[in-house]
Amino acid sequence: MLTVRNLLVINGTLVALLAIMMFCSFGGDSTPKGAGGGSISPEQIIRTINLDKDFSFCGEKYPMDIPDVRQRLDAELLRNVYSHSATLLALKRANAIFPVIEPILKAEGVPDDLKYLAVAESILSNAISPAGAKGVWQFMKATGIQYGLEINNEVDERYHLEKATRAACKYLKGQREELGSWVLSAAAYNAGPGRISGDKATQRAANFFEMNLAADETMRYPFRIAAIKEVMEHPDLYEYSIEKEHLYPVMPKGKIVEVNEPVANWGDFAKQHGTNYRELKLLNPWLVDSKLTNKERKVYKVTVP
């Protein structure tokens, strides 16, 4: 008959045996191994962030002498520095996406820093928000149509990176002219122009940093962009190390095929042009259906390998 004492002895023996087996399975080496077999540090040092430097967005400096501003930016820096997977994805995707966005920003005459707004919106992916905003620039349907994007059941140009980037430039330039600030323009991109201009007037605010908005997301938004910019411009400073070969490659430009008639099946179209359905969709994510009705015989520029 097993007594409590006997059970304790048996369990203790089992624990000892398990410990020996685990030791042997690691070859007696207590040093953790990395993915490539090399040793890795057994500890991670979590550091606070130095705020004694200039932070800016589109040439507009953040007033770091104001404690409230310092604390809000500090919070966003901590969130982004220590959100490892999202920050790594942003850094890797930027290698593929920024070369497409940057020349358009320059051609549209807007600051290069606006590319970090796209990171804040979608981590540079064709995301879909709970509210229905889509694409790298996260346009809502009505706003996208207002700024010249075609959006229907077969074509959704919110997923067309070049066209959506130009639309975002038009939107942000317009808000910059109305509100007098790129920081306020970014806030309007998040909350809507009516809300920002109305609250600015009601609160007699000279700039974003004097405003107290009801939406916590909008209060954080310009600080989030500044934090993203800081980390992405100085990844080594925040101990992000990415091998060059691990960065995502720029999508090939391919060849443009003009389509001015219906397409019964994009899979057949892909085969006819020496590719497959998946690759066609990767090159043209704005083609959101398996067919194109095109009753109006509009000319579409479709990329094939």
Protein backbone atom coordinates (compact mmCIF):
# COMPACT_ATOMS: atom_id res chain seq x y z
CA MET A 1 0.00 0.00 0.00
CA LEU A 2 1.45 3.42 -1.03
CA THR A 3 1.61 5.99 1.73
CA VAL A 4 1.98 9.75 1.30
CA ARG A 5 5.60 9.40 2.35
CA ASN A 6 6.23 6.73 -0.30
CA LEU A 7 4.62 8.90 -2.98
CA LEU A 8 6.84 11.81 -2.05
CA VAL A 9 9.93 9.62 -2.35
CA ILE A 10 8.80 8.29 -5.76
CA ASN A 11 7.96 11.76 -7.07
CA GLY A 12 11.27 13.10 -5.83
CA THR A 13 13.12 10.32 -7.63
CA LEU A 14 11.21 11.07 -10.86
CA VAL A 15 12.07 14.75 -10.66
CA ALA A 16 15.75 13.91 -10.18
CA LEU A 17 15.70 11.54 -13.16
CA LEU A 18 13.99 14.13 -15.36
CA ALA A 19 16.60 16.71 -14.38
CA ILE A 20 19.43 14.31 -15.36
CA MET A 21 17.76 13.54 -18.70
CA MET A 22 17.35 17.22 -19.52
CA PHE A 23 20.98 17.87 -18.64
CA CYS A 24 22.15 15.05 -20.88
CA SER A 25 19.94 16.20 -23.78
CA PHE A 26 21.77 19.54 -23.79
CA GLY A 27 25.13 17.84 -23.64
CA GLY A 28 25.80 19.30 -20.21
CA ASP A 29 26.05 22.82 -21.65
CA SER A 30 23.79 25.29 -19.89
CA THR A 31 24.38 28.07 -22.42
CA PRO A 32 21.26 28.76 -24.58
CA LYS A 33 21.65 28.16 -28.30
CA GLY A 34 20.59 30.48 -31.08
CA ALA A 35 18.71 29.47 -34.22
CA GLY A 36 21.99 28.91 -36.02
CA GLY A 37 23.47 26.82 -33.23
CA GLY A 38 25.58 29.63 -31.75
CA SER A 39 25.40 30.86 -28.19
CA ILE A 40 23.03 33.68 -27.32
CA SER A 41 22.95 35.92 -24.31
CA PRO A 42 20.98 34.36 -21.44
CA GLU A 43 19.52 37.73 -20.53
CA GLN A 44 17.97 40.71 -22.23
CA ILE A 45 18.67 44.19 -20.96
CA ILE A 46 15.62 46.45 -21.04
CA ARG A 47 16.77 50.05 -21.15
CA THR A 48 15.02 53.37 -20.81
CA ILE A 49 15.29 55.72 -23.78
CA ASN A 50 17.27 58.91 -24.01
CA LEU A 51 14.93 61.83 -24.75
CA ASP A 52 17.61 64.53 -24.63
CA LYS A 53 17.73 65.04 -28.38
CA ASP A 54 15.66 66.63 -31.11
CA PHE A 55 12.59 64.81 -32.39
CA SER A 56 10.67 66.06 -35.41
CA PHE A 57 8.17 65.17 -38.11
CA CYS A 58 8.32 66.79 -41.56
CA GLY A 59 10.71 69.42 -40.22
CA GLU A 60 8.45 70.38 -37.30
CA LYS A 61 10.24 69.96 -33.97
CA TYR A 62 8.46 68.47 -30.98
CA PRO A 63 8.65 70.78 -27.91
CA MET A 64 10.66 68.45 -25.70
CA ASP A 65 10.89 71.06 -22.93
CA ILE A 66 7.23 70.34 -22.09
CA PRO A 67 6.96 67.40 -19.61
CA ASP A 68 3.66 66.24 -21.12
CA VAL A 69 5.23 66.03 -24.59
CA ARG A 70 8.27 64.15 -23.26
CA GLN A 71 6.14 61.59 -21.46
CA ARG A 72 3.82 60.98 -24.40
CA LEU A 73 6.71 60.52 -26.82
CA ASP A 74 8.52 58.32 -24.30
CA ALA A 75 5.47 56.05 -24.10
CA GLU A 76 5.35 55.61 -27.88
CA LEU A 77 9.09 55.04 -28.12
CA LEU A 78 8.89 52.32 -25.48
CA ARG A 79 5.94 50.69 -27.27
CA ASN A 80 7.77 50.64 -30.61
CA VAL A 81 11.26 49.78 -29.39
CA TYR A 82 9.98 46.82 -27.41
CA SER A 83 7.32 45.65 -29.87
CA HIS A 84 9.92 43.48 -31.52
CA SER A 85 7.91 41.60 -34.14
CA ALA A 86 6.08 44.68 -35.48
CA THR A 87 9.28 46.76 -35.59
CA LEU A 88 11.24 44.00 -37.32
CA LEU A 89 8.48 43.60 -39.88
CA ALA A 90 8.45 47.34 -40.53
CA LEU A 91 12.22 47.41 -41.03
CA LYS A 92 12.17 44.40 -43.36
CA ARG A 93 9.17 45.58 -45.38
CA ALA A 94 10.58 49.10 -45.73
CA ASN A 95 13.32 47.73 -47.96
CA ALA A 96 10.62 46.64 -50.42
CA ILE A 97 8.05 49.43 -50.00
CA PHE A 98 10.00 52.65 -49.39
CA PRO A 99 11.70 52.58 -52.84
CA VAL A 100 8.20 52.76 -54.34
CA ILE A 101 6.84 55.42 -51.96
CA GLU A 102 9.81 57.78 -51.71
CA PRO A 103 9.99 58.91 -55.38
CA ILE A 104 6.24 59.63 -55.34
CA LEU A 105 6.52 61.76 -52.18
CA LYS A 106 9.33 63.70 -53.82
CA ALA A 107 7.42 64.16 -57.08
CA GLU A 108 4.34 65.35 -55.15
CA GLY A 109 6.43 67.91 -53.26
CA VAL A 110 5.74 66.55 -49.78
CA PRO A 111 8.24 65.69 -47.00
CA ASP A 112 9.88 62.29 -47.07
CA ASP A 113 8.85 61.77 -43.42
CA LEU A 114 5.29 61.06 -44.56
CA LYS A 115 6.40 57.51 -45.35
CA TYR A 116 6.43 56.86 -41.61
CA LEU A 117 2.73 57.66 -41.51
CA ALA A 118 2.20 54.65 -43.77
CA VAL A 119 4.14 52.53 -41.28
CA ALA A 120 1.91 53.77 -38.46
CA GLU A 121 -1.18 53.00 -40.51
CA SER A 122 -0.45 49.45 -41.69
CA ILE A 123 3.15 48.39 -40.93
CA LEU A 124 3.51 48.69 -44.72
CA SER A 125 1.05 45.90 -45.50
CA ASN A 126 -2.27 45.66 -47.33
CA ALA A 127 -4.11 45.60 -44.05
CA ILE A 128 -7.85 45.82 -43.43
CA SER A 129 -8.97 47.71 -40.33
CA PRO A 130 -12.07 46.79 -38.28
CA ALA A 131 -13.68 49.97 -39.65
CA GLY A 132 -13.04 48.91 -43.26
CA ALA A 133 -9.97 51.02 -44.10
CA LYS A 134 -7.72 49.18 -46.55
CA GLY A 135 -4.27 49.16 -48.05
CA VAL A 136 -0.89 50.46 -46.98
CA TRP A 137 -2.37 53.95 -46.53
CA GLN A 138 -5.60 52.70 -44.93
CA PHE A 139 -8.15 54.66 -46.95
CA MET A 140 -11.82 54.36 -46.10
CA LYS A 141 -13.94 53.71 -49.20
CA ALA A 142 -15.58 57.16 -49.38
CA THR A 143 -12.28 58.99 -48.88
CA GLY A 144 -10.50 56.84 -51.43
CA ILE A 145 -13.15 57.57 -54.06
CA GLN A 146 -13.01 61.28 -53.15
CA TYR A 147 -9.29 61.28 -53.91
CA GLY A 148 -9.59 59.51 -57.24
CA LEU A 149 -9.25 55.82 -56.41
CA GLU A 150 -11.49 53.30 -58.16
CA ILE A 151 -13.17 51.06 -55.61
CA ASN A 152 -15.71 48.39 -56.48
CA ASN A 153 -16.17 44.62 -56.29
CA GLU A 154 -13.54 43.93 -58.95
CA VAL A 155 -11.01 46.74 -58.58
CA ASP A 156 -9.84 48.34 -55.34
CA GLU A 157 -7.08 50.86 -55.91
CA ARG A 158 -6.55 51.31 -52.18
CA TYR A 159 -4.32 48.27 -52.77
CA HIS A 160 -2.54 50.00 -55.68
CA LEU A 161 0.55 51.29 -53.87
CA GLU A 162 1.50 53.98 -56.36
CA LYS A 163 -2.02 55.37 -56.82
CA ALA A 164 -2.85 55.18 -53.12
CA THR A 165 0.40 56.99 -52.27
CA ARG A 166 -0.49 59.83 -54.65
CA ALA A 167 -3.96 60.02 -53.13
CA ALA A 168 -2.47 60.18 -49.63
CA CYS A 169 -0.16 63.00 -50.75
CA LYS A 170 -3.13 65.01 -52.04
CA TYR A 171 -5.04 64.46 -48.81
CA LEU A 172 -2.12 65.42 -46.57
CA LYS A 173 -1.14 68.45 -48.65
CA GLY A 174 -4.71 69.72 -48.48
CA GLN A 175 -4.84 69.34 -44.71
CA ARG A 176 -1.42 70.99 -44.37
CA GLU A 177 -2.72 74.01 -46.25
CA GLU A 178 -5.88 74.17 -44.16
CA LEU A 179 -4.41 73.47 -40.72
CA GLY A 180 -0.97 75.04 -41.15
CA SER A 181 1.03 72.07 -39.84
CA TRP A 182 2.17 68.64 -40.98
CA VAL A 183 1.70 67.33 -37.44
CA LEU A 184 -1.91 68.52 -37.48
CA SER A 185 -2.28 67.10 -40.98
CA ALA A 186 -1.19 63.70 -39.63
CA ALA A 187 -3.67 64.00 -36.76
CA ALA A 188 -6.41 64.81 -39.30
CA TYR A 189 -5.44 61.72 -41.29
CA ASN A 190 -6.24 59.69 -38.19
CA ALA A 191 -9.30 61.47 -36.83
CA GLY A 192 -10.76 63.27 -39.83
CA PRO A 193 -10.19 66.90 -40.84
CA GLY A 194 -13.46 68.24 -39.45
CA ARG A 195 -12.75 67.01 -35.94
CA ILE A 196 -9.21 68.41 -35.81
CA SER A 197 -10.05 71.83 -37.25
CA GLY A 198 -13.14 72.09 -35.03
CA ASP A 199 -11.33 71.15 -31.82
CA LYS A 200 -8.39 73.40 -32.69
CA ALA A 201 -10.74 76.37 -33.03
CA THR A 202 -12.80 75.54 -29.94
CA GLN A 203 -9.74 75.04 -27.75
CA ARG A 204 -7.97 78.12 -29.16
CA ALA A 205 -4.93 75.90 -29.74
CA ALA A 206 -1.93 77.19 -31.65
CA ASN A 207 -0.69 73.69 -32.47
CA PHE A 208 -1.32 69.99 -31.87
CA PHE A 209 0.60 69.96 -28.59
CA GLU A 210 -1.87 72.42 -27.04
CA MET A 211 -4.89 70.30 -27.94
CA ASN A 212 -6.79 67.88 -25.72
CA LEU A 213 -8.67 65.43 -27.92
CA ALA A 214 -11.30 62.94 -26.84
CA ALA A 215 -9.83 60.13 -28.97
CA ASP A 216 -6.82 58.58 -27.24
CA GLU A 217 -5.65 57.08 -30.55
CA THR A 218 -5.40 60.54 -32.14
CA MET A 219 -3.66 62.00 -29.09
CA ARG A 220 -1.02 59.30 -29.49
CA TYR A 221 -0.81 59.31 -33.29
CA PRO A 222 1.78 62.05 -34.03
CA PHE A 223 3.95 60.72 -31.22
CA ARG A 224 3.69 57.23 -32.63
CA ILE A 225 4.88 58.45 -36.03
CA ALA A 226 7.83 60.29 -34.46
CA ALA A 227 8.74 57.16 -32.50
CA ILE A 228 8.54 54.98 -35.62
CA LYS A 229 10.75 57.43 -37.49
CA GLU A 230 13.32 57.43 -34.70
CA VAL A 231 13.56 53.65 -34.46
CA MET A 232 13.59 53.05 -38.22
CA GLU A 233 16.24 55.70 -38.84
CA HIS A 234 18.46 54.41 -36.02
CA PRO A 235 17.77 50.68 -35.65
CA ASP A 236 21.27 49.91 -34.34
CA LEU A 237 20.81 52.42 -31.53
CA TYR A 238 17.86 50.35 -30.32
CA GLU A 239 19.68 47.03 -30.85
CA TYR A 240 17.84 45.91 -33.99
CA SER A 241 20.18 43.96 -36.20
CA ILE A 242 18.98 42.62 -39.56
CA GLU A 243 21.20 40.88 -42.06
CA LYS A 244 20.95 42.45 -45.50
CA GLU A 245 19.82 39.18 -47.05
CA HIS A 246 16.92 39.02 -44.56
CA LEU A 247 15.36 42.24 -45.83
CA TYR A 248 12.36 41.82 -48.11
CA PRO A 249 13.25 42.47 -51.76
CA VAL A 250 11.65 45.14 -53.90
CA MET A 251 8.89 43.65 -56.04
CA PRO A 252 10.07 43.38 -59.64
CA LYS A 253 8.63 46.01 -61.97
CA GLY A 254 7.72 43.44 -64.56
CA LYS A 255 5.99 44.28 -67.83
CA ILE A 256 2.86 46.39 -68.23
CA VAL A 257 0.01 44.89 -70.24
CA GLU A 258 -2.83 47.25 -71.13
CA VAL A 259 -6.23 45.63 -70.71
CA ASN A 260 -9.19 47.46 -72.29
CA GLU A 261 -11.75 44.65 -72.46
CA PRO A 262 -13.38 42.17 -70.08
CA VAL A 263 -11.28 39.38 -68.57
CA ALA A 264 -13.35 36.27 -67.90
CA ASN A 265 -10.77 34.70 -65.61
CA TRP A 266 -7.51 36.18 -64.29
CA GLY A 267 -6.13 32.65 -63.90
CA ASP A 268 -6.39 32.12 -67.66
CA PHE A 269 -4.92 35.59 -68.24
CA ALA A 270 -1.98 34.70 -65.98
CA LYS A 271 -1.29 31.46 -67.86
CA GLN A 272 -1.40 33.29 -71.18
CA HIS A 273 1.33 35.62 -69.90
CA GLY A 274 3.61 32.95 -68.53
CA THR A 275 2.75 33.29 -64.86
CA ASN A 276 0.20 32.03 -62.34
CA TYR A 277 -2.77 33.45 -60.44
CA ARG A 278 -0.89 33.99 -57.17
CA GLU A 279 1.98 35.85 -58.78
CA LEU A 280 -0.43 38.00 -60.80
CA LYS A 281 -2.23 38.96 -57.58
CA LEU A 282 1.03 39.74 -55.80
CA LEU A 283 1.98 42.13 -58.61
CA ASN A 284 -1.56 43.57 -58.85
CA PRO A 285 -3.24 43.33 -55.41
CA TRP A 286 -5.77 45.93 -56.57
CA LEU A 287 -7.42 43.26 -58.77
CA VAL A 288 -9.70 41.94 -56.03
CA ASP A 289 -11.89 39.54 -58.01
CA SER A 290 -11.19 36.56 -60.25
CA LYS A 291 -12.56 38.42 -63.27
CA LEU A 292 -12.92 41.91 -64.76
CA THR A 293 -16.28 42.91 -66.25
CA ASN A 294 -15.04 46.24 -67.65
CA LYS A 295 -18.26 47.20 -69.42
CA GLU A 296 -16.91 50.71 -70.01
CA ARG A 297 -13.82 49.38 -71.79
CA LYS A 298 -11.57 51.32 -69.43
CA VAL A 299 -7.80 50.84 -69.91
CA TYR A 300 -6.16 49.05 -66.99
CA LYS A 301 -2.40 48.66 -66.68
CA VAL A 302 -1.73 45.16 -65.40
CA THR A 303 1.76 44.08 -64.36
CA VAL A 304 3.02 40.65 -65.40
CA PRO A 305 6.50 39.15 -64.84
